[in-house]
Amino acid sequence: MDVRLLRIDSRLLHGQVATNWAKAISVNRILVVSDRVAQDMMRKTLIIQAAPPGLRANVITVEKMIRIYHDLRFVSVKPMILVEDPIDAKRLVEGGIKVSSVNIGAISFDSTRVMVTDTIAVGPKDVKALIWLHAHNIRLDVRKVANDSSKNLWKSLLEKGLVKND
């Protein structure tokens, strides 16, 4: 399996992702990976319906994503993987999914999180997962759409005092 993009976005599949990213990185499948969404039939149905014409979307659990990644029957799949938070991204990489960077689009704010950019809020568990990803040489790439200039989330985390310099 040739993972074209691993993206963290609490909105999961939406217009920018469906149109811009899918075309820019030439994917043949969109995989929304979330244990919560996989159990929620309404969200699952809405996400599958949001896929652009000619591109299939599936909603699967983290465990299933790891299983199919290692299954030779899926060797021709070139997916964009969408997760809701850094914790699920870390779980995928821990499970053996190979990526050199993780794209971060947006992470919603709530009372347990702190804003680190205009669209990204993180809580303590998110920070732990991001530290782990960074320690495993995975670039934390902030871009809403493919043609935006890339920003490194690690620098924002440093500036906010949420992590220490390596």
Protein backbone atom coordinates (compact mmCIF):
# COMPACT_ATOMS: atom_id res chain seq x y z
CA MET A 1 0.00 0.00 0.00
CA ASP A 2 1.31 3.41 -0.98
CA VAL A 3 -0.05 5.89 1.57
CA ARG A 4 -0.11 9.22 -0.27
CA LEU A 5 -1.19 11.33 2.71
CA LEU A 6 -1.89 10.84 6.40
CA ARG A 7 -3.95 13.85 7.48
CA ILE A 8 -5.22 14.91 10.88
CA ASP A 9 -8.41 16.94 10.58
CA SER A 10 -11.22 16.83 13.12
CA ARG A 11 -13.63 17.58 10.26
CA LEU A 12 -12.38 14.47 8.43
CA LEU A 13 -13.72 14.47 4.85
CA HIS A 14 -14.89 17.86 3.60
CA GLY A 15 -14.74 19.95 0.42
CA GLN A 16 -11.09 21.00 0.55
CA VAL A 17 -9.94 17.46 1.23
CA ALA A 18 -12.23 15.84 -1.27
CA THR A 19 -11.34 18.13 -4.15
CA ASN A 20 -7.90 19.66 -3.63
CA TRP A 21 -5.90 17.01 -1.80
CA ALA A 22 -7.30 13.99 -3.62
CA LYS A 23 -6.37 15.47 -7.02
CA ALA A 24 -3.00 16.87 -5.94
CA ILE A 25 -1.70 13.56 -4.59
CA SER A 26 -3.39 11.16 -7.06
CA VAL A 27 -5.19 8.86 -4.66
CA ASN A 28 -7.45 5.98 -5.63
CA ARG A 29 -9.16 5.67 -2.23
CA ILE A 30 -10.05 7.82 0.77
CA LEU A 31 -9.82 5.97 4.07
CA VAL A 32 -11.37 7.65 7.09
CA VAL A 33 -9.81 5.90 10.07
CA SER A 34 -11.68 6.39 13.33
CA ASP A 35 -12.98 3.93 15.89
CA ARG A 36 -15.67 6.46 16.88
CA VAL A 37 -16.92 7.16 13.36
CA ALA A 38 -16.84 3.47 12.40
CA GLN A 39 -19.42 2.90 15.18
CA ASP A 40 -21.63 5.86 14.20
CA MET A 41 -23.79 4.87 11.21
CA MET A 42 -25.01 8.43 10.52
CA ARG A 43 -21.50 9.96 10.43
CA LYS A 44 -20.20 6.98 8.47
CA THR A 45 -22.95 7.36 5.84
CA LEU A 46 -22.42 11.12 5.52
CA ILE A 47 -18.68 10.70 5.07
CA ILE A 48 -19.06 8.02 2.40
CA GLN A 49 -21.51 10.29 0.54
CA ALA A 50 -19.05 13.21 0.71
CA ALA A 51 -16.50 11.43 -1.50
CA PRO A 52 -15.95 13.14 -4.84
CA PRO A 53 -17.32 11.42 -7.97
CA GLY A 54 -15.12 8.55 -9.10
CA LEU A 55 -13.35 8.21 -5.75
CA ARG A 56 -14.49 5.76 -3.12
CA ALA A 57 -14.36 6.48 0.60
CA ASN A 58 -14.38 3.92 3.38
CA VAL A 59 -14.68 4.35 7.13
CA ILE A 60 -12.70 1.81 9.14
CA THR A 61 -11.25 1.33 12.61
CA VAL A 62 -7.58 1.93 13.43
CA GLU A 63 -7.05 -1.81 13.94
CA LYS A 64 -8.54 -2.65 10.55
CA MET A 65 -6.39 0.01 8.83
CA ILE A 66 -3.25 -1.53 10.30
CA ARG A 67 -4.40 -5.01 9.22
CA ILE A 68 -5.15 -4.05 5.61
CA TYR A 69 -1.95 -2.00 5.33
CA HIS A 70 0.03 -5.21 5.84
CA ASP A 71 -2.24 -7.31 3.57
CA LEU A 72 -0.78 -7.92 0.10
CA ARG A 73 -4.27 -7.88 -1.42
CA PHE A 74 -4.24 -4.10 -0.94
CA VAL A 75 -0.81 -3.43 -2.48
CA SER A 76 -2.29 -1.37 -5.36
CA VAL A 77 -4.25 0.95 -3.06
CA LYS A 78 -2.97 4.53 -2.99
CA PRO A 79 -4.97 6.05 -0.16
CA MET A 80 -5.32 9.33 1.58
CA ILE A 81 -5.84 8.42 5.24
CA LEU A 82 -7.86 10.85 7.36
CA VAL A 83 -7.88 10.73 11.16
CA GLU A 84 -9.50 13.04 13.71
CA ASP A 85 -6.58 13.52 16.08
CA PRO A 86 -2.84 13.01 16.63
CA ILE A 87 -3.51 10.01 18.88
CA ASP A 88 -4.96 7.98 16.00
CA ALA A 89 -2.10 9.10 13.70
CA LYS A 90 0.39 7.83 16.29
CA ARG A 91 -1.49 4.53 16.62
CA LEU A 92 -1.26 4.00 12.86
CA VAL A 93 2.47 4.69 12.74
CA GLU A 94 3.02 2.45 15.78
CA GLY A 95 1.15 -0.25 13.85
CA GLY A 96 3.70 -0.09 11.05
CA ILE A 97 2.16 2.35 8.58
CA LYS A 98 5.06 4.10 6.86
CA VAL A 99 4.88 7.87 6.36
CA SER A 100 7.53 10.58 6.41
CA SER A 101 5.11 13.33 7.36
CA VAL A 102 1.68 13.89 8.82
CA ASN A 103 -0.41 16.72 7.41
CA ILE A 104 -2.46 18.65 9.95
CA GLY A 105 -5.45 20.57 8.63
CA ALA A 106 -7.56 21.50 11.64
CA ILE A 107 -8.11 20.25 15.16
CA SER A 108 -11.17 21.67 16.89
CA PHE A 109 -10.91 23.72 20.04
CA ASP A 110 -12.62 22.70 23.27
CA SER A 111 -12.10 23.51 26.95
CA THR A 112 -9.33 20.89 27.27
CA ARG A 113 -7.27 22.26 24.38
CA VAL A 114 -5.07 25.24 23.69
CA MET A 115 -4.82 27.01 20.30
CA VAL A 116 -1.40 26.66 18.66
CA THR A 117 -2.35 28.06 15.25
CA ASP A 118 -5.50 29.69 13.95
CA THR A 119 -6.99 26.24 13.13
CA ILE A 120 -5.19 23.81 15.42
CA ALA A 121 -5.92 23.24 19.10
CA VAL A 122 -4.16 20.58 21.16
CA GLY A 123 -4.64 18.96 24.54
CA PRO A 124 -2.09 17.08 26.65
CA LYS A 125 -2.73 13.70 24.94
CA ASP A 126 -2.40 15.32 21.51
CA VAL A 127 0.91 16.90 22.53
CA LYS A 128 2.22 13.52 23.76
CA ALA A 129 1.30 11.92 20.42
CA LEU A 130 2.89 14.78 18.44
CA ILE A 131 6.09 14.52 20.50
CA TRP A 132 6.19 10.79 19.74
CA LEU A 133 5.69 11.39 16.00
CA HIS A 134 8.38 14.08 15.96
CA ALA A 135 10.78 11.78 17.86
CA HIS A 136 10.23 9.20 15.10
CA ASN A 137 11.34 11.70 12.43
CA ILE A 138 7.86 12.37 11.12
CA ARG A 139 7.41 15.91 9.88
CA LEU A 140 4.35 17.72 11.26
CA ASP A 141 3.20 19.56 8.14
CA VAL A 142 0.50 22.22 8.53
CA ARG A 143 -1.36 22.96 5.30
CA LYS A 144 -5.05 23.39 4.64
CA VAL A 145 -4.73 22.58 0.94
CA ALA A 146 -1.93 21.07 -1.13
CA ASN A 147 -0.71 24.32 -2.71
CA ASP A 148 -0.44 26.22 0.61
CA SER A 149 3.08 26.79 1.85
CA SER A 150 4.08 24.19 4.41
CA LYS A 151 4.51 25.18 8.05
CA ASN A 152 6.07 22.96 10.69
CA LEU A 153 3.72 22.43 13.64
CA TRP A 154 6.72 21.59 15.85
CA LYS A 155 7.82 25.24 15.66
CA SER A 156 4.38 26.40 16.81
CA LEU A 157 4.44 23.92 19.70
CA LEU A 158 7.89 25.24 20.71
CA GLU A 159 6.72 28.87 20.52
CA LYS A 160 3.73 28.10 22.75
CA GLY A 161 5.99 26.35 25.27
CA LEU A 162 4.16 23.04 24.86
CA VAL A 163 7.32 21.13 23.94
CA LYS A 164 11.02 21.56 24.60
CA ASN A 165 13.70 21.85 21.92
CA ASP A 166 15.26 18.51 21.04
